[in-house]
Amino acid sequence: MSTTKTLPLLNSLTSLAAIRPPFFCHMKTIEQKIEQHRKWQKAARERAIARQREKLADPAWRESQYQKMRNTIDRRIAKQKERPPASKTRKSAVKIKSRGLKGRTPTAEERHIANALGALPCIACYMHGVISEEVSLHHISGRTAPGCHKKQLPLCRWHHQHAAPAEVREKYPWLVPVHADGVVGGKKEFTLLNKSEMELLADAYELANIMH
């Protein structure tokens, strides 16, 4: 092969070599932006958690959340009283959702308390100023011990046993399930970002006007 014929090939290779560095620099810039975005998301989540902890430590804020919940429940009770009398036809009791686990049959007193607790919105959401009315009851002391059916928390699905979508948790970092769903939630994280189960139970009893 003559020198004249090899020159165009060499020129082409030289041109490609000149093009490659900017391309790889561009790829590196994209990776850096992705990494920066991840760091920003992590920092934003940590700031949100820190702000929430500050709120939970403020008695005035917690009292305001309690008052909001109390006012909402009072309004719901008032609306129920304004409704026309129901038909004398006996209606079957509303079945409260549960996880379908076995346990002993509730006593009449336990059933009465469970119905009152089940009428509340999610107690964990409410302490953050959010109303979630679709709830299931979470047993905090098993399902067979004496009085166990008196110790139930009304929780939404995201606070009970399912992890909320990542984009939702980014906005509401306290929205984690008490029953761990994969790597999300569990009692320790639930308590850290909300309250302990017994503290929430005390709040629920007070809101439902249940005598301890």
N, C-alpha and C. Protein backbone atom coordinates (compact mmCIF):
# COMPACT_ATOMS: atom_id res chain seq x y z
N MET A 1 0.86 -1.20 0.00
CA MET A 1 0.00 0.00 0.00
C MET A 1 0.89 1.24 0.00
N SER A 2 0.54 2.18 -0.85
CA SER A 2 1.37 3.38 -0.98
C SER A 2 1.09 4.35 0.15
N THR A 3 2.04 5.27 0.33
CA THR A 3 1.89 6.29 1.36
C THR A 3 0.72 7.19 1.06
N THR A 4 0.49 7.42 -0.24
CA THR A 4 -0.61 8.30 -0.65
C THR A 4 -1.96 7.73 -0.23
N LYS A 5 -2.14 6.38 -0.34
CA LYS A 5 -3.41 5.74 0.01
C LYS A 5 -3.64 5.69 1.52
N THR A 6 -2.57 5.61 2.30
CA THR A 6 -2.73 5.50 3.76
C THR A 6 -3.05 6.83 4.41
N LEU A 7 -2.75 7.93 3.73
CA LEU A 7 -2.96 9.24 4.34
C LEU A 7 -4.43 9.52 4.68
N PRO A 8 -5.40 9.23 3.78
CA PRO A 8 -6.81 9.46 4.14
C PRO A 8 -7.24 8.66 5.36
N LEU A 9 -6.75 7.40 5.47
CA LEU A 9 -7.10 6.56 6.63
C LEU A 9 -6.56 7.16 7.91
N LEU A 10 -5.32 7.61 7.87
CA LEU A 10 -4.71 8.22 9.06
C LEU A 10 -5.44 9.49 9.44
N ASN A 11 -5.83 10.24 8.44
CA ASN A 11 -6.56 11.47 8.71
C ASN A 11 -7.90 11.18 9.38
N SER A 12 -8.58 10.09 8.93
CA SER A 12 -9.87 9.71 9.52
C SER A 12 -9.71 9.29 10.97
N LEU A 13 -8.67 8.49 11.26
CA LEU A 13 -8.41 8.06 12.64
C LEU A 13 -8.09 9.24 13.52
N THR A 14 -7.34 10.17 12.97
CA THR A 14 -6.99 11.37 13.74
C THR A 14 -8.24 12.18 14.06
N SER A 15 -9.16 12.24 13.10
CA SER A 15 -10.41 12.98 13.32
C SER A 15 -11.25 12.32 14.41
N LEU A 16 -11.33 10.97 14.40
CA LEU A 16 -12.08 10.25 15.43
C LEU A 16 -11.49 10.46 16.81
N ALA A 17 -10.17 10.44 16.87
CA ALA A 17 -9.49 10.65 18.14
C ALA A 17 -9.78 12.04 18.68
N ALA A 18 -9.92 12.98 17.76
CA ALA A 18 -10.21 14.35 18.19
C ALA A 18 -11.64 14.48 18.69
N ILE A 19 -12.55 13.63 18.16
CA ILE A 19 -13.97 13.71 18.56
C ILE A 19 -14.21 13.04 19.90
N ARG A 20 -13.52 11.94 20.21
CA ARG A 20 -13.80 11.13 21.40
C ARG A 20 -13.71 11.88 22.73
N PRO A 21 -12.66 12.66 22.99
CA PRO A 21 -12.56 13.30 24.31
C PRO A 21 -13.77 14.14 24.69
N PRO A 22 -14.32 15.03 23.80
CA PRO A 22 -15.49 15.80 24.20
C PRO A 22 -16.69 14.91 24.52
N PHE A 23 -16.86 13.81 23.79
CA PHE A 23 -17.98 12.90 24.01
C PHE A 23 -17.90 12.29 25.41
N PHE A 24 -16.70 11.79 25.76
CA PHE A 24 -16.54 11.18 27.09
C PHE A 24 -16.63 12.22 28.19
N CYS A 25 -16.19 13.42 27.91
CA CYS A 25 -16.34 14.50 28.89
C CYS A 25 -17.82 14.79 29.13
N HIS A 26 -18.60 14.72 28.03
CA HIS A 26 -20.04 14.95 28.15
C HIS A 26 -20.69 13.85 29.00
N MET A 27 -20.27 12.59 28.79
CA MET A 27 -20.79 11.48 29.58
C MET A 27 -20.46 11.67 31.06
N LYS A 28 -19.24 12.13 31.31
CA LYS A 28 -18.82 12.34 32.69
C LYS A 28 -19.66 13.44 33.33
N THR A 29 -19.98 14.47 32.56
CA THR A 29 -20.80 15.56 33.08
C THR A 29 -22.19 15.05 33.46
N ILE A 30 -22.78 14.18 32.65
CA ILE A 30 -24.10 13.61 32.95
C ILE A 30 -24.05 12.79 34.23
N GLU A 31 -23.00 11.97 34.38
CA GLU A 31 -22.86 11.16 35.59
C GLU A 31 -22.72 12.05 36.82
N GLN A 32 -21.98 13.14 36.67
CA GLN A 32 -21.82 14.06 37.79
C GLN A 32 -23.15 14.70 38.17
N LYS A 33 -23.95 15.04 37.16
CA LYS A 33 -25.25 15.64 37.43
C LYS A 33 -26.17 14.65 38.15
N ILE A 34 -26.13 13.40 37.71
CA ILE A 34 -26.95 12.36 38.36
C ILE A 34 -26.54 12.20 39.82
N GLU A 35 -25.23 12.16 40.04
CA GLU A 35 -24.72 12.01 41.41
C GLU A 35 -25.09 13.21 42.26
N GLN A 36 -24.99 14.41 41.68
CA GLN A 36 -25.37 15.62 42.41
C GLN A 36 -26.85 15.59 42.78
N HIS A 37 -27.68 15.10 41.84
CA HIS A 37 -29.12 15.02 42.11
C HIS A 37 -29.40 14.03 43.23
N ARG A 38 -28.69 12.90 43.25
CA ARG A 38 -28.86 11.92 44.33
C ARG A 38 -28.48 12.53 45.68
N LYS A 39 -27.37 13.27 45.68
CA LYS A 39 -26.94 13.91 46.93
C LYS A 39 -27.96 14.94 47.39
N TRP A 40 -28.53 15.66 46.41
CA TRP A 40 -29.53 16.67 46.76
C TRP A 40 -30.77 16.01 47.36
N GLN A 41 -31.20 14.90 46.76
CA GLN A 41 -32.37 14.18 47.28
C GLN A 41 -32.12 13.69 48.71
N LYS A 42 -30.92 13.14 48.93
CA LYS A 42 -30.59 12.63 50.27
C LYS A 42 -30.57 13.76 51.28
N ALA A 43 -29.96 14.90 50.90
CA ALA A 43 -29.89 16.04 51.81
C ALA A 43 -31.29 16.59 52.10
N ALA A 44 -32.15 16.64 51.07
CA ALA A 44 -33.51 17.15 51.25
C ALA A 44 -34.29 16.24 52.20
N ARG A 45 -34.11 14.93 52.05
CA ARG A 45 -34.80 13.98 52.94
C ARG A 45 -34.32 14.15 54.38
N GLU A 46 -33.02 14.31 54.56
CA GLU A 46 -32.47 14.49 55.91
C GLU A 46 -32.98 15.79 56.54
N ARG A 47 -33.09 16.85 55.72
CA ARG A 47 -33.61 18.12 56.25
C ARG A 47 -35.07 17.98 56.65
N ALA A 48 -35.85 17.26 55.84
CA ALA A 48 -37.27 17.06 56.14
C ALA A 48 -37.44 16.27 57.44
N ILE A 49 -36.62 15.24 57.62
CA ILE A 49 -36.69 14.44 58.84
C ILE A 49 -36.30 15.28 60.05
N ALA A 50 -35.26 16.11 59.89
CA ALA A 50 -34.82 16.98 60.99
C ALA A 50 -35.92 17.96 61.38
N ARG A 51 -36.58 18.54 60.36
CA ARG A 51 -37.68 19.48 60.65
C ARG A 51 -38.82 18.78 61.38
N GLN A 52 -39.11 17.54 60.96
CA GLN A 52 -40.20 16.80 61.59
C GLN A 52 -39.87 16.47 63.04
N ARG A 53 -38.62 16.13 63.30
CA ARG A 53 -38.21 15.85 64.68
C ARG A 53 -38.35 17.09 65.55
N GLU A 54 -38.01 18.25 64.99
CA GLU A 54 -38.15 19.50 65.74
C GLU A 54 -39.62 19.75 66.08
N LYS A 55 -40.50 19.48 65.11
CA LYS A 55 -41.93 19.67 65.36
C LYS A 55 -42.42 18.74 66.46
N LEU A 56 -42.01 17.48 66.38
CA LEU A 56 -42.47 16.50 67.37
C LEU A 56 -41.99 16.85 68.77
N ALA A 57 -40.86 17.54 68.85
CA ALA A 57 -40.32 17.92 70.15
C ALA A 57 -40.98 19.19 70.70
N ASP A 58 -41.82 19.83 69.90
CA ASP A 58 -42.47 21.08 70.30
C ASP A 58 -43.87 20.79 70.85
N PRO A 59 -44.08 20.94 72.16
CA PRO A 59 -45.40 20.66 72.75
C PRO A 59 -46.52 21.49 72.12
N ALA A 60 -46.22 22.73 71.76
CA ALA A 60 -47.24 23.61 71.17
C ALA A 60 -47.70 23.06 69.82
N TRP A 61 -46.76 22.57 69.02
CA TRP A 61 -47.12 22.03 67.71
C TRP A 61 -47.96 20.76 67.87
N ARG A 62 -47.56 19.92 68.80
CA ARG A 62 -48.30 18.68 69.03
C ARG A 62 -49.71 18.98 69.54
N GLU A 63 -49.83 20.00 70.38
CA GLU A 63 -51.14 20.39 70.88
C GLU A 63 -52.02 20.91 69.74
N SER A 64 -51.41 21.67 68.82
CA SER A 64 -52.18 22.19 67.69
C SER A 64 -52.68 21.05 66.80
N GLN A 65 -51.85 20.01 66.61
CA GLN A 65 -52.27 18.86 65.81
C GLN A 65 -53.41 18.12 66.50
N TYR A 66 -53.30 17.99 67.81
CA TYR A 66 -54.37 17.34 68.57
C TYR A 66 -55.68 18.12 68.43
N GLN A 67 -55.59 19.45 68.53
CA GLN A 67 -56.79 20.27 68.45
C GLN A 67 -57.43 20.19 67.07
N LYS A 68 -56.60 20.14 66.03
CA LYS A 68 -57.13 19.99 64.67
C LYS A 68 -57.90 18.68 64.54
N MET A 69 -57.32 17.62 65.08
CA MET A 69 -57.97 16.31 65.02
C MET A 69 -59.27 16.32 65.81
N ARG A 70 -59.22 16.93 67.00
CA ARG A 70 -60.41 17.00 67.85
C ARG A 70 -61.53 17.76 67.15
N ASN A 71 -61.19 18.88 66.51
CA ASN A 71 -62.19 19.69 65.81
C ASN A 71 -62.81 18.93 64.65
N THR A 72 -61.98 18.19 63.91
CA THR A 72 -62.49 17.42 62.77
C THR A 72 -63.45 16.34 63.24
N ILE A 73 -63.08 15.65 64.30
CA ILE A 73 -63.95 14.59 64.82
C ILE A 73 -65.25 15.17 65.34
N ASP A 74 -65.18 16.33 66.01
CA ASP A 74 -66.39 16.97 66.51
C ASP A 74 -67.32 17.35 65.36
N ARG A 75 -66.73 17.84 64.25
CA ARG A 75 -67.55 18.19 63.09
C ARG A 75 -68.23 16.96 62.50
N ARG A 76 -67.48 15.85 62.45
CA ARG A 76 -68.05 14.62 61.91
C ARG A 76 -69.20 14.12 62.78
N ILE A 77 -69.03 14.23 64.09
CA ILE A 77 -70.10 13.81 65.01
C ILE A 77 -71.33 14.69 64.85
N ALA A 78 -71.09 16.02 64.69
CA ALA A 78 -72.20 16.96 64.52
C ALA A 78 -72.98 16.66 63.24
N LYS A 79 -72.26 16.34 62.16
CA LYS A 79 -72.92 16.02 60.89
C LYS A 79 -73.77 14.75 61.02
N GLN A 80 -73.23 13.78 61.77
CA GLN A 80 -73.99 12.54 61.97
C GLN A 80 -75.29 12.80 62.72
N LYS A 81 -75.24 13.73 63.69
CA LYS A 81 -76.44 14.05 64.46
C LYS A 81 -77.48 14.77 63.61
N GLU A 82 -77.01 15.52 62.59
CA GLU A 82 -77.92 16.27 61.73
C GLU A 82 -78.62 15.39 60.70
N ARG A 83 -78.10 14.19 60.49
CA ARG A 83 -78.71 13.30 59.50
C ARG A 83 -80.09 12.83 59.97
N PRO A 84 -80.99 12.56 59.02
CA PRO A 84 -82.33 12.07 59.41
C PRO A 84 -82.23 10.70 60.06
N PRO A 85 -83.19 10.35 60.90
CA PRO A 85 -83.14 9.04 61.58
C PRO A 85 -83.06 7.90 60.58
N ALA A 86 -82.27 6.93 60.91
CA ALA A 86 -82.11 5.78 60.02
C ALA A 86 -83.34 4.89 60.10
N SER A 87 -83.51 4.08 59.10
CA SER A 87 -84.63 3.13 59.07
C SER A 87 -84.49 2.16 60.23
N LYS A 88 -85.62 1.65 60.69
CA LYS A 88 -85.59 0.71 61.80
C LYS A 88 -85.03 -0.64 61.40
N THR A 89 -84.85 -0.83 60.09
CA THR A 89 -84.27 -2.09 59.63
C THR A 89 -82.88 -2.24 60.22
N ARG A 90 -82.65 -3.33 60.85
CA ARG A 90 -81.36 -3.54 61.52
C ARG A 90 -80.26 -3.75 60.49
N LYS A 91 -79.21 -2.98 60.64
CA LYS A 91 -78.07 -3.09 59.72
C LYS A 91 -76.97 -3.93 60.37
N SER A 92 -76.29 -4.67 59.56
CA SER A 92 -75.18 -5.45 60.09
C SER A 92 -74.03 -4.52 60.42
N ALA A 93 -73.27 -4.86 61.43
CA ALA A 93 -72.14 -4.03 61.85
C ALA A 93 -71.11 -3.95 60.74
N VAL A 94 -70.49 -2.78 60.64
CA VAL A 94 -69.45 -2.59 59.63
C VAL A 94 -68.23 -3.41 60.02
N LYS A 95 -67.77 -4.20 59.11
CA LYS A 95 -66.62 -5.04 59.39
C LYS A 95 -65.34 -4.25 59.20
N ILE A 96 -64.55 -4.14 60.22
CA ILE A 96 -63.30 -3.40 60.16
C ILE A 96 -62.23 -4.27 59.53
N LYS A 97 -61.47 -3.67 58.63
CA LYS A 97 -60.43 -4.42 57.94
C LYS A 97 -59.36 -4.89 58.91
N SER A 98 -58.84 -6.05 58.69
CA SER A 98 -57.72 -6.56 59.47
C SER A 98 -56.79 -7.28 58.53
N ARG A 99 -55.68 -7.71 59.03
CA ARG A 99 -54.69 -8.39 58.20
C ARG A 99 -55.04 -9.86 57.97
N GLY A 100 -56.17 -10.29 58.52
CA GLY A 100 -56.60 -11.66 58.28
C GLY A 100 -55.86 -12.69 59.12
N LEU A 101 -55.21 -12.27 60.19
CA LEU A 101 -54.48 -13.21 61.04
C LEU A 101 -55.42 -13.79 62.09
N LYS A 102 -55.10 -14.99 62.54
CA LYS A 102 -55.95 -15.67 63.51
C LYS A 102 -55.75 -15.08 64.89
N GLY A 103 -56.77 -15.19 65.70
CA GLY A 103 -56.71 -14.71 67.08
C GLY A 103 -58.01 -15.08 67.77
N ARG A 104 -58.07 -14.82 69.07
CA ARG A 104 -59.29 -15.18 69.79
C ARG A 104 -60.40 -14.19 69.46
N THR A 105 -61.62 -14.60 69.71
CA THR A 105 -62.78 -13.76 69.45
C THR A 105 -62.82 -12.61 70.45
N PRO A 106 -63.03 -11.36 69.98
CA PRO A 106 -63.08 -10.22 70.90
C PRO A 106 -64.28 -10.31 71.84
N THR A 107 -64.12 -9.80 73.05
CA THR A 107 -65.24 -9.68 73.96
C THR A 107 -66.12 -8.52 73.50
N ALA A 108 -67.29 -8.37 74.11
CA ALA A 108 -68.20 -7.27 73.74
C ALA A 108 -67.53 -5.92 73.99
N GLU A 109 -66.81 -5.81 75.11
CA GLU A 109 -66.12 -4.55 75.43
C GLU A 109 -65.02 -4.27 74.41
N GLU A 110 -64.25 -5.28 74.07
CA GLU A 110 -63.18 -5.11 73.08
C GLU A 110 -63.74 -4.72 71.72
N ARG A 111 -64.85 -5.32 71.36
CA ARG A 111 -65.47 -5.02 70.07
C ARG A 111 -65.96 -3.56 70.04
N HIS A 112 -66.51 -3.10 71.15
CA HIS A 112 -66.98 -1.71 71.26
C HIS A 112 -65.80 -0.75 71.10
N ILE A 113 -64.70 -1.04 71.77
CA ILE A 113 -63.52 -0.18 71.68
C ILE A 113 -62.93 -0.21 70.27
N ALA A 114 -62.87 -1.41 69.68
CA ALA A 114 -62.32 -1.53 68.33
C ALA A 114 -63.14 -0.74 67.32
N ASN A 115 -64.47 -0.75 67.48
CA ASN A 115 -65.32 0.02 66.58
C ASN A 115 -65.07 1.52 66.72
N ALA A 116 -64.86 1.97 67.96
CA ALA A 116 -64.59 3.39 68.19
C ALA A 116 -63.24 3.79 67.59
N LEU A 117 -62.24 2.93 67.75
CA LEU A 117 -60.91 3.22 67.19
C LEU A 117 -60.95 3.18 65.66
N GLY A 118 -61.72 2.23 65.13
CA GLY A 118 -61.80 2.09 63.68
C GLY A 118 -62.51 3.25 63.00
N ALA A 119 -63.26 4.04 63.77
CA ALA A 119 -63.96 5.21 63.21
C ALA A 119 -63.03 6.41 63.07
N LEU A 120 -61.85 6.33 63.67
CA LEU A 120 -60.89 7.44 63.58
C LEU A 120 -60.12 7.37 62.27
N PRO A 121 -59.55 8.51 61.84
CA PRO A 121 -58.62 8.47 60.71
C PRO A 121 -57.30 7.88 61.16
N CYS A 122 -56.37 7.70 60.24
CA CYS A 122 -55.05 7.17 60.60
C CYS A 122 -54.43 8.05 61.67
N ILE A 123 -54.16 7.46 62.83
CA ILE A 123 -53.67 8.24 63.96
C ILE A 123 -52.26 8.76 63.73
N ALA A 124 -51.45 8.02 62.96
CA ALA A 124 -50.08 8.46 62.69
C ALA A 124 -50.07 9.61 61.69
N CYS A 125 -50.91 9.53 60.66
CA CYS A 125 -50.99 10.63 59.68
C CYS A 125 -51.50 11.90 60.35
N TYR A 126 -52.48 11.73 61.24
CA TYR A 126 -53.15 12.88 61.82
C TYR A 126 -52.21 13.73 62.67
N MET A 127 -51.25 13.09 63.31
CA MET A 127 -50.33 13.87 64.13
C MET A 127 -49.42 14.75 63.27
N HIS A 128 -49.39 14.47 61.96
CA HIS A 128 -48.63 15.30 61.03
C HIS A 128 -49.54 16.26 60.27
N GLY A 129 -50.80 16.34 60.69
CA GLY A 129 -51.73 17.25 60.06
C GLY A 129 -52.35 16.74 58.78
N VAL A 130 -52.29 15.42 58.55
CA VAL A 130 -52.85 14.82 57.33
C VAL A 130 -54.00 13.89 57.71
N ILE A 131 -55.10 13.97 56.97
CA ILE A 131 -56.26 13.11 57.25
C ILE A 131 -56.29 11.96 56.26
N SER A 132 -56.21 10.75 56.76
CA SER A 132 -56.32 9.53 55.94
C SER A 132 -57.42 8.68 56.55
N GLU A 133 -58.59 8.67 55.92
CA GLU A 133 -59.75 8.04 56.53
C GLU A 133 -59.85 6.54 56.28
N GLU A 134 -59.19 6.04 55.24
CA GLU A 134 -59.24 4.59 54.99
C GLU A 134 -58.18 3.91 55.84
N VAL A 135 -58.62 3.18 56.84
CA VAL A 135 -57.69 2.59 57.81
C VAL A 135 -57.97 1.11 58.01
N SER A 136 -56.99 0.44 58.59
CA SER A 136 -57.16 -0.91 59.12
C SER A 136 -56.57 -0.88 60.52
N LEU A 137 -56.99 -1.80 61.37
CA LEU A 137 -56.54 -1.79 62.76
C LEU A 137 -55.30 -2.65 62.95
N HIS A 138 -54.32 -2.07 63.59
CA HIS A 138 -53.04 -2.74 63.86
C HIS A 138 -52.98 -3.14 65.33
N HIS A 139 -52.91 -4.44 65.60
CA HIS A 139 -52.77 -4.94 66.98
C HIS A 139 -51.34 -4.69 67.46
N ILE A 140 -51.20 -4.09 68.62
CA ILE A 140 -49.85 -3.83 69.13
C ILE A 140 -49.45 -4.81 70.22
N SER A 141 -50.38 -5.66 70.67
CA SER A 141 -50.05 -6.64 71.71
C SER A 141 -50.54 -8.03 71.33
N GLY A 142 -50.42 -8.38 70.07
CA GLY A 142 -50.85 -9.69 69.63
C GLY A 142 -52.36 -9.80 69.51
N ARG A 143 -52.84 -11.04 69.30
CA ARG A 143 -54.27 -11.26 69.07
C ARG A 143 -54.88 -12.29 70.02
N THR A 144 -54.12 -12.72 71.00
CA THR A 144 -54.65 -13.75 71.91
C THR A 144 -54.57 -13.35 73.38
N ALA A 145 -53.70 -12.42 73.75
CA ALA A 145 -53.52 -12.03 75.15
C ALA A 145 -54.76 -11.31 75.68
N PRO A 146 -54.98 -11.36 76.99
CA PRO A 146 -56.12 -10.64 77.58
C PRO A 146 -56.05 -9.15 77.24
N GLY A 147 -57.15 -8.59 76.77
CA GLY A 147 -57.20 -7.17 76.45
C GLY A 147 -56.51 -6.78 75.16
N CYS A 148 -56.04 -7.76 74.39
CA CYS A 148 -55.26 -7.43 73.19
C CYS A 148 -56.07 -6.64 72.16
N HIS A 149 -57.38 -6.91 72.08
CA HIS A 149 -58.20 -6.23 71.08
C HIS A 149 -58.54 -4.80 71.49
N LYS A 150 -58.17 -4.42 72.71
CA LYS A 150 -58.32 -3.02 73.12
C LYS A 150 -57.12 -2.19 72.66
N LYS A 151 -56.05 -2.87 72.31
CA LYS A 151 -54.81 -2.18 71.94
C LYS A 151 -54.60 -2.27 70.43
N GLN A 152 -55.36 -1.45 69.71
CA GLN A 152 -55.27 -1.44 68.25
C GLN A 152 -55.16 0.00 67.76
N LEU A 153 -54.36 0.19 66.73
CA LEU A 153 -54.18 1.52 66.16
C LEU A 153 -54.84 1.60 64.79
N PRO A 154 -55.61 2.66 64.54
CA PRO A 154 -56.13 2.88 63.19
C PRO A 154 -55.02 3.45 62.31
N LEU A 155 -54.58 2.69 61.34
CA LEU A 155 -53.47 3.12 60.48
C LEU A 155 -53.85 2.99 59.01
N CYS A 156 -53.35 3.92 58.20
CA CYS A 156 -53.52 3.82 56.75
C CYS A 156 -52.59 2.72 56.24
N ARG A 157 -52.75 2.33 54.99
CA ARG A 157 -51.95 1.23 54.44
C ARG A 157 -50.46 1.55 54.46
N TRP A 158 -50.10 2.82 54.25
CA TRP A 158 -48.67 3.19 54.20
C TRP A 158 -48.05 3.22 55.59
N HIS A 159 -48.86 3.43 56.63
CA HIS A 159 -48.35 3.38 57.99
C HIS A 159 -48.49 1.99 58.60
N HIS A 160 -49.28 1.13 57.95
CA HIS A 160 -49.54 -0.19 58.53
C HIS A 160 -48.54 -1.23 58.02
N GLN A 161 -48.61 -1.57 56.74
CA GLN A 161 -47.79 -2.70 56.29
C GLN A 161 -47.22 -2.58 54.89
N HIS A 162 -47.53 -1.51 54.17
CA HIS A 162 -47.01 -1.37 52.80
C HIS A 162 -46.16 -0.12 52.68
N ALA A 163 -45.04 -0.23 51.97
CA ALA A 163 -44.17 0.93 51.74
C ALA A 163 -44.80 1.84 50.69
N ALA A 164 -44.91 3.11 51.00
CA ALA A 164 -45.43 4.08 50.02
C ALA A 164 -44.42 4.21 48.88
N PRO A 165 -44.87 4.64 47.69
CA PRO A 165 -43.93 4.86 46.58
C PRO A 165 -42.81 5.82 46.99
N ALA A 166 -41.65 5.64 46.40
CA ALA A 166 -40.47 6.43 46.77
C ALA A 166 -40.73 7.93 46.66
N GLU A 167 -41.44 8.35 45.60
CA GLU A 167 -41.68 9.79 45.43
C GLU A 167 -42.61 10.34 46.51
N VAL A 168 -43.49 9.48 47.05
CA VAL A 168 -44.36 9.90 48.15
C VAL A 168 -43.56 10.01 49.44
N ARG A 169 -42.69 9.03 49.69
CA ARG A 169 -41.87 9.06 50.90
C ARG A 169 -40.89 10.23 50.88
N GLU A 170 -40.48 10.64 49.68
CA GLU A 170 -39.58 11.78 49.59
C GLU A 170 -40.28 13.05 50.07
N LYS A 171 -41.57 13.15 49.77
CA LYS A 171 -42.35 14.31 50.21
C LYS A 171 -42.77 14.19 51.66
N TYR A 172 -43.10 12.96 52.08
CA TYR A 172 -43.53 12.71 53.46
C TYR A 172 -42.61 11.65 54.08
N PRO A 173 -41.44 12.03 54.55
CA PRO A 173 -40.47 11.05 55.06
C PRO A 173 -40.95 10.26 56.26
N TRP A 174 -41.99 10.75 56.95
CA TRP A 174 -42.52 10.05 58.12
C TRP A 174 -43.52 8.95 57.73
N LEU A 175 -43.81 8.81 56.44
CA LEU A 175 -44.81 7.84 55.99
C LEU A 175 -44.16 6.48 55.76
N VAL A 176 -43.89 5.77 56.86
CA VAL A 176 -43.26 4.44 56.79
C VAL A 176 -44.14 3.45 57.56
N PRO A 177 -44.19 2.18 57.14
CA PRO A 177 -45.06 1.20 57.80
C PRO A 177 -44.46 0.65 59.09
N VAL A 178 -45.33 0.38 60.05
CA VAL A 178 -44.87 -0.20 61.30
C VAL A 178 -44.40 -1.64 61.09
N HIS A 179 -45.00 -2.34 60.12
CA HIS A 179 -44.51 -3.66 59.71
C HIS A 179 -43.57 -3.42 58.53
N ALA A 180 -42.30 -3.75 58.68
CA ALA A 180 -41.32 -3.47 57.62
C ALA A 180 -41.75 -4.10 56.30
N ASP A 181 -41.62 -3.33 55.24
CA ASP A 181 -41.89 -3.81 53.89
C ASP A 181 -40.57 -3.76 53.14
N GLY A 182 -39.87 -4.89 53.09
CA GLY A 182 -38.52 -4.90 52.52
C GLY A 182 -37.58 -4.13 53.44
N VAL A 183 -36.91 -3.11 52.91
CA VAL A 183 -35.98 -2.32 53.71
C VAL A 183 -36.64 -1.06 54.25
N VAL A 184 -37.93 -0.89 53.99
CA VAL A 184 -38.64 0.33 54.41
C VAL A 184 -39.46 0.06 55.66
N GLY A 185 -39.32 0.93 56.66
CA GLY A 185 -40.15 0.85 57.85
C GLY A 185 -39.67 -0.14 58.89
N GLY A 186 -40.60 -0.59 59.72
CA GLY A 186 -40.28 -1.39 60.89
C GLY A 186 -40.56 -0.55 62.13
N LYS A 187 -40.73 -1.19 63.27
CA LYS A 187 -41.13 -0.47 64.49
C LYS A 187 -40.15 0.63 64.88
N LYS A 188 -38.85 0.36 64.72
CA LYS A 188 -37.85 1.34 65.14
C LYS A 188 -37.96 2.62 64.32
N GLU A 189 -37.99 2.48 62.99
CA GLU A 189 -38.08 3.66 62.12
C GLU A 189 -39.44 4.34 62.26
N PHE A 190 -40.49 3.53 62.40
CA PHE A 190 -41.84 4.07 62.57
C PHE A 190 -41.90 4.95 63.82
N THR A 191 -41.35 4.45 64.92
CA THR A 191 -41.36 5.21 66.18
C THR A 191 -40.52 6.46 66.07
N LEU A 192 -39.36 6.36 65.41
CA LEU A 192 -38.46 7.50 65.28
C LEU A 192 -39.11 8.65 64.51
N LEU A 193 -39.87 8.32 63.47
CA LEU A 193 -40.43 9.35 62.60
C LEU A 193 -41.85 9.74 62.99
N ASN A 194 -42.49 8.96 63.87
CA ASN A 194 -43.85 9.27 64.30
C ASN A 194 -43.88 9.33 65.83
N LYS A 195 -44.45 8.33 66.45
CA LYS A 195 -44.45 8.17 67.91
C LYS A 195 -44.41 6.68 68.19
N SER A 196 -44.24 6.34 69.46
CA SER A 196 -44.32 4.92 69.82
C SER A 196 -45.77 4.46 69.68
N GLU A 197 -45.95 3.15 69.56
CA GLU A 197 -47.31 2.61 69.42
C GLU A 197 -48.18 2.94 70.63
N MET A 198 -47.61 2.86 71.83
CA MET A 198 -48.39 3.14 73.03
C MET A 198 -48.77 4.62 73.12
N GLU A 199 -47.88 5.50 72.68
CA GLU A 199 -48.20 6.93 72.67
C GLU A 199 -49.34 7.22 71.69
N LEU A 200 -49.28 6.59 70.52
CA LEU A 200 -50.35 6.77 69.54
C LEU A 200 -51.66 6.18 70.04
N LEU A 201 -51.57 5.06 70.77
CA LEU A 201 -52.78 4.45 71.32
C LEU A 201 -53.44 5.39 72.33
N ALA A 202 -52.61 6.03 73.17
CA ALA A 202 -53.14 6.99 74.14
C ALA A 202 -53.83 8.15 73.43
N ASP A 203 -53.23 8.63 72.33
CA ASP A 203 -53.84 9.71 71.55
C ASP A 203 -55.18 9.25 70.96
N ALA A 204 -55.20 8.02 70.43
CA ALA A 204 -56.41 7.49 69.82
C ALA A 204 -57.53 7.34 70.85
N TYR A 205 -57.18 6.85 72.04
CA TYR A 205 -58.18 6.70 73.11
C TYR A 205 -58.77 8.05 73.48
N GLU A 206 -57.91 9.05 73.57
CA GLU A 206 -58.38 10.38 73.96
C GLU A 206 -59.31 10.96 72.89
N LEU A 207 -58.92 10.79 71.64
CA LEU A 207 -59.72 11.33 70.54
C LEU A 207 -61.06 10.62 70.39
N ALA A 208 -61.07 9.33 70.69
CA ALA A 208 -62.30 8.54 70.59
C ALA A 208 -63.13 8.60 71.87
N ASN A 209 -62.65 9.38 72.86
CA ASN A 209 -63.34 9.50 74.15
C ASN A 209 -63.55 8.14 74.82
N ILE A 210 -62.50 7.33 74.77
CA ILE A 210 -62.54 6.02 75.42
C ILE A 210 -61.88 6.15 76.79
N MET A 211 -62.56 5.71 77.82
CA MET A 211 -62.00 5.75 79.17
C MET A 211 -60.94 4.67 79.29
N HIS A 212 -59.77 5.02 79.84
CA HIS A 212 -58.68 4.05 80.01
C HIS A 212 -59.05 3.06 81.13
